[in-house]
Amino acid sequence: MTELQVELECRLRMALSPSELEVIDESHQHAGHAGAAGGAKHFAVRIVSPKFIGKTRMAQHRMVYAAVDDLMPFPIHALRIETV
């Protein structure tokens, strides 16, 4: 696990207290992509949190982005998010 992946996971745990969390570095699938220029990373996040109860999917995604907003667009270029 990379330092950035650990940072992403820690922030999501602190902000959203998930019962389940999976953070996968998918950067290798985006090699050569303009967004990956300069080493920006692509991650997939699957997160289950009681804080999502009663929230729309858009609101759930906003909560995830709020936890990591200062990391985007660099060093994280993209997040693929699955919330439950």
PDB file of N, CA and C in Angstrom:
ATOM      1  N   MET A   1       0.843  -1.175   0.000  1.00  0.00           N
ATOM      2  CA  MET A   1       0.000   0.000   0.000  1.00  0.00           C
ATOM      3  C   MET A   1       0.893   1.244   0.000  1.00  0.00           C
ATOM      4  N   THR A   2       0.579   2.181  -0.885  1.00  0.00           N
ATOM      5  CA  THR A   2       1.393   3.393  -0.977  1.00  0.00           C
ATOM      6  C   THR A   2       1.031   4.378   0.140  1.00  0.00           C
ATOM      7  N   GLU A   3       1.903   5.336   0.361  1.00  0.00           N
ATOM      8  CA  GLU A   3       1.671   6.354   1.380  1.00  0.00           C
ATOM      9  C   GLU A   3       0.386   7.140   1.083  1.00  0.00           C
ATOM     10  N   LEU A   4       0.161   7.453  -0.195  1.00  0.00           N
ATOM     11  CA  LEU A   4      -1.039   8.183  -0.582  1.00  0.00           C
ATOM     12  C   LEU A   4      -2.298   7.342  -0.354  1.00  0.00           C
ATOM     13  N   GLN A   5      -2.210   6.072  -0.629  1.00  0.00           N
ATOM     14  CA  GLN A   5      -3.343   5.170  -0.403  1.00  0.00           C
ATOM     15  C   GLN A   5      -3.677   5.098   1.090  1.00  0.00           C
ATOM     16  N   VAL A   6      -2.662   5.042   1.918  1.00  0.00           N
ATOM     17  CA  VAL A   6      -2.848   5.029   3.375  1.00  0.00           C
ATOM     18  C   VAL A   6      -3.484   6.343   3.829  1.00  0.00           C
ATOM     19  N   GLU A   7      -3.001   7.466   3.300  1.00  0.00           N
ATOM     20  CA  GLU A   7      -3.562   8.780   3.630  1.00  0.00           C
ATOM     21  C   GLU A   7      -5.035   8.859   3.252  1.00  0.00           C
ATOM     22  N   LEU A   8      -5.381   8.391   2.073  1.00  0.00           N
ATOM     23  CA  LEU A   8      -6.762   8.387   1.607  1.00  0.00           C
ATOM     24  C   LEU A   8      -7.641   7.551   2.533  1.00  0.00           C
ATOM     25  N   GLU A   9      -7.173   6.364   2.865  1.00  0.00           N
ATOM     26  CA  GLU A   9      -7.923   5.479   3.750  1.00  0.00           C
ATOM     27  C   GLU A   9      -8.107   6.114   5.137  1.00  0.00           C
ATOM     28  N   CYS A  10      -7.064   6.693   5.688  1.00  0.00           N
ATOM     29  CA  CYS A  10      -7.143   7.323   7.015  1.00  0.00           C
ATOM     30  C   CYS A  10      -8.151   8.468   7.028  1.00  0.00           C
ATOM     31  N   ARG A  11      -8.128   9.295   6.008  1.00  0.00           N
ATOM     32  CA  ARG A  11      -9.056  10.425   5.945  1.00  0.00           C
ATOM     33  C   ARG A  11     -10.503   9.953   5.861  1.00  0.00           C
ATOM     34  N   LEU A  12     -10.742   8.934   5.049  1.00  0.00           N
ATOM     35  CA  LEU A  12     -12.108   8.422   4.919  1.00  0.00           C
ATOM     36  C   LEU A  12     -12.577   7.780   6.219  1.00  0.00           C
ATOM     37  N   ARG A  13     -11.688   7.083   6.901  1.00  0.00           N
ATOM     38  CA  ARG A  13     -12.056   6.476   8.192  1.00  0.00           C
ATOM     39  C   ARG A  13     -12.390   7.564   9.226  1.00  0.00           C
ATOM     40  N   MET A  14     -11.588   8.600   9.272  1.00  0.00           N
ATOM     41  CA  MET A  14     -11.805   9.668  10.249  1.00  0.00           C
ATOM     42  C   MET A  14     -13.100  10.434   9.961  1.00  0.00           C
ATOM     43  N   ALA A  15     -13.350  10.726   8.702  1.00  0.00           N
ATOM     44  CA  ALA A  15     -14.501  11.556   8.345  1.00  0.00           C
ATOM     45  C   ALA A  15     -15.822  10.794   8.345  1.00  0.00           C
ATOM     46  N   LEU A  16     -15.779   9.509   7.962  1.00  0.00           N
ATOM     47  CA  LEU A  16     -17.027   8.801   7.700  1.00  0.00           C
ATOM     48  C   LEU A  16     -17.254   7.569   8.565  1.00  0.00           C
ATOM     49  N   SER A  17     -16.322   7.218   9.417  1.00  0.00           N
ATOM     50  CA  SER A  17     -16.457   6.068  10.320  1.00  0.00           C
ATOM     51  C   SER A  17     -17.065   4.846   9.620  1.00  0.00           C
ATOM     52  N   PRO A  18     -16.453   4.388   8.545  1.00  0.00           N
ATOM     53  CA  PRO A  18     -17.062   3.301   7.777  1.00  0.00           C
ATOM     54  C   PRO A  18     -17.030   1.961   8.504  1.00  0.00           C
ATOM     55  N   SER A  19     -18.045   1.154   8.225  1.00  0.00           N
ATOM     56  CA  SER A  19     -18.037  -0.222   8.712  1.00  0.00           C
ATOM     57  C   SER A  19     -17.270  -1.105   7.745  1.00  0.00           C
ATOM     58  N   GLU A  20     -17.186  -0.665   6.497  1.00  0.00           N
ATOM     59  CA  GLU A  20     -16.380  -1.344   5.474  1.00  0.00           C
ATOM     60  C   GLU A  20     -15.716  -0.286   4.617  1.00  0.00           C
ATOM     61  N   LEU A  21     -14.463  -0.536   4.250  1.00  0.00           N
ATOM     62  CA  LEU A  21     -13.738   0.390   3.389  1.00  0.00           C
ATOM     63  C   LEU A  21     -12.699  -0.379   2.588  1.00  0.00           C
ATOM     64  N   GLU A  22     -12.715  -0.139   1.296  1.00  0.00           N
ATOM     65  CA  GLU A  22     -11.714  -0.719   0.406  1.00  0.00           C
ATOM     66  C   GLU A  22     -11.205   0.397  -0.497  1.00  0.00           C
ATOM     67  N   VAL A  23      -9.895   0.587  -0.520  1.00  0.00           N
ATOM     68  CA  VAL A  23      -9.262   1.600  -1.356  1.00  0.00           C
ATOM     69  C   VAL A  23      -8.287   0.887  -2.279  1.00  0.00           C
ATOM     70  N   ILE A  24      -8.519   1.005  -3.582  1.00  0.00           N
ATOM     71  CA  ILE A  24      -7.704   0.295  -4.574  1.00  0.00           C
ATOM     72  C   ILE A  24      -7.044   1.317  -5.496  1.00  0.00           C
ATOM     73  N   ASP A  25      -5.738   1.192  -5.653  1.00  0.00           N
ATOM     74  CA  ASP A  25      -4.996   2.043  -6.570  1.00  0.00           C
ATOM     75  C   ASP A  25      -5.156   1.477  -7.978  1.00  0.00           C
ATOM     76  N   GLU A  26      -5.829   2.225  -8.839  1.00  0.00           N
ATOM     77  CA  GLU A  26      -6.057   1.796 -10.224  1.00  0.00           C
ATOM     78  C   GLU A  26      -5.195   2.595 -11.203  1.00  0.00           C
ATOM     79  N   SER A  27      -4.182   3.256 -10.702  1.00  0.00           N
ATOM     80  CA  SER A  27      -3.359   4.131 -11.533  1.00  0.00           C
ATOM     81  C   SER A  27      -2.739   3.405 -12.723  1.00  0.00           C
ATOM     82  N   HIS A  28      -2.365   2.156 -12.532  1.00  0.00           N
ATOM     83  CA  HIS A  28      -1.728   1.397 -13.616  1.00  0.00           C
ATOM     84  C   HIS A  28      -2.657   1.247 -14.820  1.00  0.00           C
ATOM     85  N   GLN A  29      -3.960   1.336 -14.606  1.00  0.00           N
ATOM     86  CA  GLN A  29      -4.926   1.207 -15.704  1.00  0.00           C
ATOM     87  C   GLN A  29      -5.050   2.501 -16.510  1.00  0.00           C
ATOM     88  N   HIS A  30      -4.437   3.563 -16.020  1.00  0.00           N
ATOM     89  CA  HIS A  30      -4.563   4.869 -16.652  1.00  0.00           C
ATOM     90  C   HIS A  30      -3.217   5.421 -17.119  1.00  0.00           C
ATOM     91  N   ALA A  31      -2.232   4.561 -17.232  1.00  0.00           N
ATOM     92  CA  ALA A  31      -0.914   4.989 -17.702  1.00  0.00           C
ATOM     93  C   ALA A  31      -1.051   5.646 -19.069  1.00  0.00           C
ATOM     94  N   GLY A  32      -0.430   6.794 -19.228  1.00  0.00           N
ATOM     95  CA  GLY A  32      -0.484   7.515 -20.487  1.00  0.00           C
ATOM     96  C   GLY A  32      -1.658   8.472 -20.588  1.00  0.00           C
ATOM     97  N   HIS A  33      -2.606   8.379 -19.684  1.00  0.00           N
ATOM     98  CA  HIS A  33      -3.767   9.273 -19.648  1.00  0.00           C
ATOM     99  C   HIS A  33      -3.304  10.660 -19.223  1.00  0.00           C
ATOM    100  N   ALA A  34      -3.875  11.688 -19.815  1.00  0.00           N
ATOM    101  CA  ALA A  34      -3.455  13.062 -19.506  1.00  0.00           C
ATOM    102  C   ALA A  34      -3.579  13.378 -18.018  1.00  0.00           C
ATOM    103  N   GLY A  35      -4.603  12.844 -17.370  1.00  0.00           N
ATOM    104  CA  GLY A  35      -4.808  13.089 -15.945  1.00  0.00           C
ATOM    105  C   GLY A  35      -3.755  12.454 -15.070  1.00  0.00           C
ATOM    106  N   ALA A  36      -3.045  11.475 -15.610  1.00  0.00           N
ATOM    107  CA  ALA A  36      -2.007  10.792 -14.845  1.00  0.00           C
ATOM    108  C   ALA A  36      -0.647  11.486 -14.998  1.00  0.00           C
ATOM    109  N   ALA A  37      -0.597  12.520 -15.815  1.00  0.00           N
ATOM    110  CA  ALA A  37       0.656  13.236 -16.040  1.00  0.00           C
ATOM    111  C   ALA A  37       1.201  13.768 -14.716  1.00  0.00           C
ATOM    112  N   GLY A  38       2.474  13.652 -14.536  1.00  0.00           N
ATOM    113  CA  GLY A  38       3.113  14.147 -13.327  1.00  0.00           C
ATOM    114  C   GLY A  38       2.918  13.259 -12.117  1.00  0.00           C
ATOM    115  N   GLY A  39       2.356  12.060 -12.337  1.00  0.00           N
ATOM    116  CA  GLY A  39       2.219  11.107 -11.247  1.00  0.00           C
ATOM    117  C   GLY A  39       0.896  11.143 -10.507  1.00  0.00           C
ATOM    118  N   ALA A  40      -0.101  11.881 -11.007  1.00  0.00           N
ATOM    119  CA  ALA A  40      -1.415  11.903 -10.356  1.00  0.00           C
ATOM    120  C   ALA A  40      -2.004  10.494 -10.377  1.00  0.00           C
ATOM    121  N   LYS A  41      -2.707  10.129  -9.321  1.00  0.00           N
ATOM    122  CA  LYS A  41      -3.191   8.758  -9.128  1.00  0.00           C
ATOM    123  C   LYS A  41      -4.702   8.642  -9.331  1.00  0.00           C
ATOM    124  N   HIS A  42      -5.120   7.429  -9.666  1.00  0.00           N
ATOM    125  CA  HIS A  42      -6.530   7.065  -9.807  1.00  0.00           C
ATOM    126  C   HIS A  42      -6.835   5.998  -8.760  1.00  0.00           C
ATOM    127  N   PHE A  43      -7.898   6.197  -7.988  1.00  0.00           N
ATOM    128  CA  PHE A  43      -8.287   5.228  -6.965  1.00  0.00           C
ATOM    129  C   PHE A  43      -9.741   4.833  -7.122  1.00  0.00           C
ATOM    130  N   ALA A  44     -10.040   3.614  -6.696  1.00  0.00           N
ATOM    131  CA  ALA A  44     -11.419   3.143  -6.554  1.00  0.00           C
ATOM    132  C   ALA A  44     -11.665   3.005  -5.059  1.00  0.00           C
ATOM    133  N   VAL A  45     -12.822   3.472  -4.616  1.00  0.00           N
ATOM    134  CA  VAL A  45     -13.179   3.420  -3.205  1.00  0.00           C
ATOM    135  C   VAL A  45     -14.545   2.748  -3.079  1.00  0.00           C
ATOM    136  N   ARG A  46     -14.616   1.742  -2.240  1.00  0.00           N
ATOM    137  CA  ARG A  46     -15.901   1.134  -1.865  1.00  0.00           C
ATOM    138  C   ARG A  46     -16.042   1.363  -0.376  1.00  0.00           C
ATOM    139  N   ILE A  47     -17.122   2.056   0.003  1.00  0.00           N
ATOM    140  CA  ILE A  47     -17.266   2.460   1.391  1.00  0.00           C
ATOM    141  C   ILE A  47     -18.705   2.277   1.863  1.00  0.00           C
ATOM    142  N   VAL A  48     -18.829   1.691   3.039  1.00  0.00           N
ATOM    143  CA  VAL A  48     -20.119   1.508   3.702  1.00  0.00           C
ATOM    144  C   VAL A  48     -20.043   2.299   5.002  1.00  0.00           C
ATOM    145  N   SER A  49     -20.991   3.234   5.176  1.00  0.00           N
ATOM    146  CA  SER A  49     -20.956   4.073   6.372  1.00  0.00           C
ATOM    147  C   SER A  49     -22.367   4.346   6.877  1.00  0.00           C
ATOM    148  N   PRO A  50     -22.542   4.285   8.190  1.00  0.00           N
ATOM    149  CA  PRO A  50     -23.847   4.652   8.743  1.00  0.00           C
ATOM    150  C   PRO A  50     -24.179   6.129   8.498  1.00  0.00           C
ATOM    151  N   LYS A  51     -23.167   6.937   8.222  1.00  0.00           N
ATOM    152  CA  LYS A  51     -23.400   8.356   7.944  1.00  0.00           C
ATOM    153  C   LYS A  51     -24.103   8.576   6.604  1.00  0.00           C
ATOM    154  N   PHE A  52     -24.147   7.532   5.767  1.00  0.00           N
ATOM    155  CA  PHE A  52     -24.811   7.634   4.470  1.00  0.00           C
ATOM    156  C   PHE A  52     -26.313   7.379   4.558  1.00  0.00           C
ATOM    157  N   ILE A  53     -26.773   6.860   5.673  1.00  0.00           N
ATOM    158  CA  ILE A  53     -28.196   6.502   5.804  1.00  0.00           C
ATOM    159  C   ILE A  53     -29.063   7.743   5.600  1.00  0.00           C
ATOM    160  N   GLY A  54     -30.037   7.599   4.701  1.00  0.00           N
ATOM    161  CA  GLY A  54     -30.958   8.688   4.407  1.00  0.00           C
ATOM    162  C   GLY A  54     -30.428   9.731   3.442  1.00  0.00           C
ATOM    163  N   LYS A  55     -29.195   9.567   2.979  1.00  0.00           N
ATOM    164  CA  LYS A  55     -28.587  10.518   2.053  1.00  0.00           C
ATOM    165  C   LYS A  55     -28.703   9.993   0.617  1.00  0.00           C
ATOM    166  N   THR A  56     -28.833  10.910  -0.328  1.00  0.00           N
ATOM    167  CA  THR A  56     -28.820  10.513  -1.740  1.00  0.00           C
ATOM    168  C   THR A  56     -27.407  10.070  -2.119  1.00  0.00           C
ATOM    169  N   ARG A  57     -27.303   9.354  -3.214  1.00  0.00           N
ATOM    170  CA  ARG A  57     -25.981   8.925  -3.695  1.00  0.00           C
ATOM    171  C   ARG A  57     -25.090  10.136  -3.947  1.00  0.00           C
ATOM    172  N   MET A  58     -25.664  11.198  -4.496  1.00  0.00           N
ATOM    173  CA  MET A  58     -24.875  12.405  -4.755  1.00  0.00           C
ATOM    174  C   MET A  58     -24.348  12.987  -3.444  1.00  0.00           C
ATOM    175  N   ALA A  59     -25.182  13.037  -2.425  1.00  0.00           N
ATOM    176  CA  ALA A  59     -24.748  13.558  -1.122  1.00  0.00           C
ATOM    177  C   ALA A  59     -23.667  12.670  -0.518  1.00  0.00           C
ATOM    178  N   GLN A  60     -23.794  11.356  -0.673  1.00  0.00           N
ATOM    179  CA  GLN A  60     -22.778  10.431  -0.174  1.00  0.00           C
ATOM    180  C   GLN A  60     -21.441  10.684  -0.861  1.00  0.00           C
ATOM    181  N   HIS A  61     -21.468  10.859  -2.172  1.00  0.00           N
ATOM    182  CA  HIS A  61     -20.233  11.109  -2.920  1.00  0.00           C
ATOM    183  C   HIS A  61     -19.623  12.445  -2.511  1.00  0.00           C
ATOM    184  N   ARG A  62     -20.463  13.432  -2.277  1.00  0.00           N
ATOM    185  CA  ARG A  62     -19.948  14.729  -1.826  1.00  0.00           C
ATOM    186  C   ARG A  62     -19.244  14.596  -0.481  1.00  0.00           C
ATOM    187  N   MET A  63     -19.765  13.744   0.382  1.00  0.00           N
ATOM    188  CA  MET A  63     -19.138  13.516   1.687  1.00  0.00           C
ATOM    189  C   MET A  63     -17.749  12.895   1.512  1.00  0.00           C
ATOM    190  N   VAL A  64     -17.632  11.967   0.567  1.00  0.00           N
ATOM    191  CA  VAL A  64     -16.335  11.339   0.285  1.00  0.00           C
ATOM    192  C   VAL A  64     -15.370  12.394  -0.255  1.00  0.00           C
ATOM    193  N   TYR A  65     -15.800  13.164  -1.243  1.00  0.00           N
ATOM    194  CA  TYR A  65     -14.942  14.196  -1.817  1.00  0.00           C
ATOM    195  C   TYR A  65     -14.537  15.242  -0.786  1.00  0.00           C
ATOM    196  N   ALA A  66     -15.428  15.591   0.115  1.00  0.00           N
ATOM    197  CA  ALA A  66     -15.110  16.587   1.140  1.00  0.00           C
ATOM    198  C   ALA A  66     -13.961  16.132   2.031  1.00  0.00           C
ATOM    199  N   ALA A  67     -13.860  14.828   2.245  1.00  0.00           N
ATOM    200  CA  ALA A  67     -12.793  14.287   3.098  1.00  0.00           C
ATOM    201  C   ALA A  67     -11.416  14.375   2.446  1.00  0.00           C
ATOM    202  N   VAL A  68     -11.389  14.503   1.122  1.00  0.00           N
ATOM    203  CA  VAL A  68     -10.101  14.463   0.405  1.00  0.00           C
ATOM    204  C   VAL A  68      -9.941  15.622  -0.579  1.00  0.00           C
ATOM    205  N   ASP A  69     -10.756  16.658  -0.443  1.00  0.00           N
ATOM    206  CA  ASP A  69     -10.781  17.716  -1.446  1.00  0.00           C
ATOM    207  C   ASP A  69      -9.433  18.379  -1.703  1.00  0.00           C
ATOM    208  N   ASP A  70      -8.605  18.502  -0.695  1.00  0.00           N
ATOM    209  CA  ASP A  70      -7.307  19.155  -0.892  1.00  0.00           C
ATOM    210  C   ASP A  70      -6.296  18.249  -1.598  1.00  0.00           C
ATOM    211  N   LEU A  71      -6.637  16.977  -1.794  1.00  0.00           N
ATOM    212  CA  LEU A  71      -5.748  16.053  -2.505  1.00  0.00           C
ATOM    213  C   LEU A  71      -6.065  15.987  -3.997  1.00  0.00           C
ATOM    214  N   MET A  72      -7.113  16.702  -4.401  1.00  0.00           N
ATOM    215  CA  MET A  72      -7.533  16.668  -5.800  1.00  0.00           C
ATOM    216  C   MET A  72      -7.378  18.057  -6.420  1.00  0.00           C
ATOM    217  N   PRO A  73      -6.934  18.172  -7.622  1.00  0.00           N
ATOM    218  CA  PRO A  73      -6.672  17.145  -8.616  1.00  0.00           C
ATOM    219  C   PRO A  73      -5.274  16.532  -8.552  1.00  0.00           C
ATOM    220  N   PHE A  74      -4.474  16.978  -7.590  1.00  0.00           N
ATOM    221  CA  PHE A  74      -3.151  16.359  -7.421  1.00  0.00           C
ATOM    222  C   PHE A  74      -2.867  16.282  -5.933  1.00  0.00           C
ATOM    223  N   PRO A  75      -2.422  15.172  -5.462  1.00  0.00           N
ATOM    224  CA  PRO A  75      -1.883  13.978  -6.122  1.00  0.00           C
ATOM    225  C   PRO A  75      -2.928  12.948  -6.566  1.00  0.00           C
ATOM    226  N   ILE A  76      -4.210  13.166  -6.241  1.00  0.00           N
ATOM    227  CA  ILE A  76      -5.239  12.245  -6.719  1.00  0.00           C
ATOM    228  C   ILE A  76      -5.958  12.919  -7.882  1.00  0.00           C
ATOM    229  N   HIS A  77      -5.932  12.262  -9.031  1.00  0.00           N
ATOM    230  CA  HIS A  77      -6.608  12.800 -10.210  1.00  0.00           C
ATOM    231  C   HIS A  77      -8.072  12.357 -10.258  1.00  0.00           C
ATOM    232  N   ALA A  78      -8.354  11.109  -9.858  1.00  0.00           N
ATOM    233  CA  ALA A  78      -9.714  10.606 -10.000  1.00  0.00           C
ATOM    234  C   ALA A  78     -10.051   9.587  -8.910  1.00  0.00           C
ATOM    235  N   LEU A  79     -11.325   9.590  -8.514  1.00  0.00           N
ATOM    236  CA  LEU A  79     -11.857   8.604  -7.586  1.00  0.00           C
ATOM    237  C   LEU A  79     -13.064   7.937  -8.244  1.00  0.00           C
ATOM    238  N   ARG A  80     -13.074   6.637  -8.250  1.00  0.00           N
ATOM    239  CA  ARG A  80     -14.264   5.883  -8.651  1.00  0.00           C
ATOM    240  C   ARG A  80     -14.881   5.437  -7.334  1.00  0.00           C
ATOM    241  N   ILE A  81     -16.090   5.917  -7.040  1.00  0.00           N
ATOM    242  CA  ILE A  81     -16.685   5.729  -5.713  1.00  0.00           C
ATOM    243  C   ILE A  81     -17.903   4.829  -5.792  1.00  0.00           C
ATOM    244  N   GLU A  82     -17.938   3.848  -4.888  1.00  0.00           N
ATOM    245  CA  GLU A  82     -19.124   3.042  -4.668  1.00  0.00           C
ATOM    246  C   GLU A  82     -19.487   3.201  -3.203  1.00  0.00           C
ATOM    247  N   THR A  83     -20.648   3.794  -2.950  1.00  0.00           N
ATOM    248  CA  THR A  83     -21.107   3.974  -1.575  1.00  0.00           C
ATOM    249  C   THR A  83     -22.274   3.034  -1.298  1.00  0.00           C
ATOM    250  N   VAL A  84     -22.361   2.596  -0.045  1.00  0.00           N
ATOM    251  CA  VAL A  84     -23.448   1.701   0.363  1.00  0.00           C
ATOM    252  C   VAL A  84     -23.994   2.203   1.673  1.00  0.00           C
TER     253      VAL A  84
END
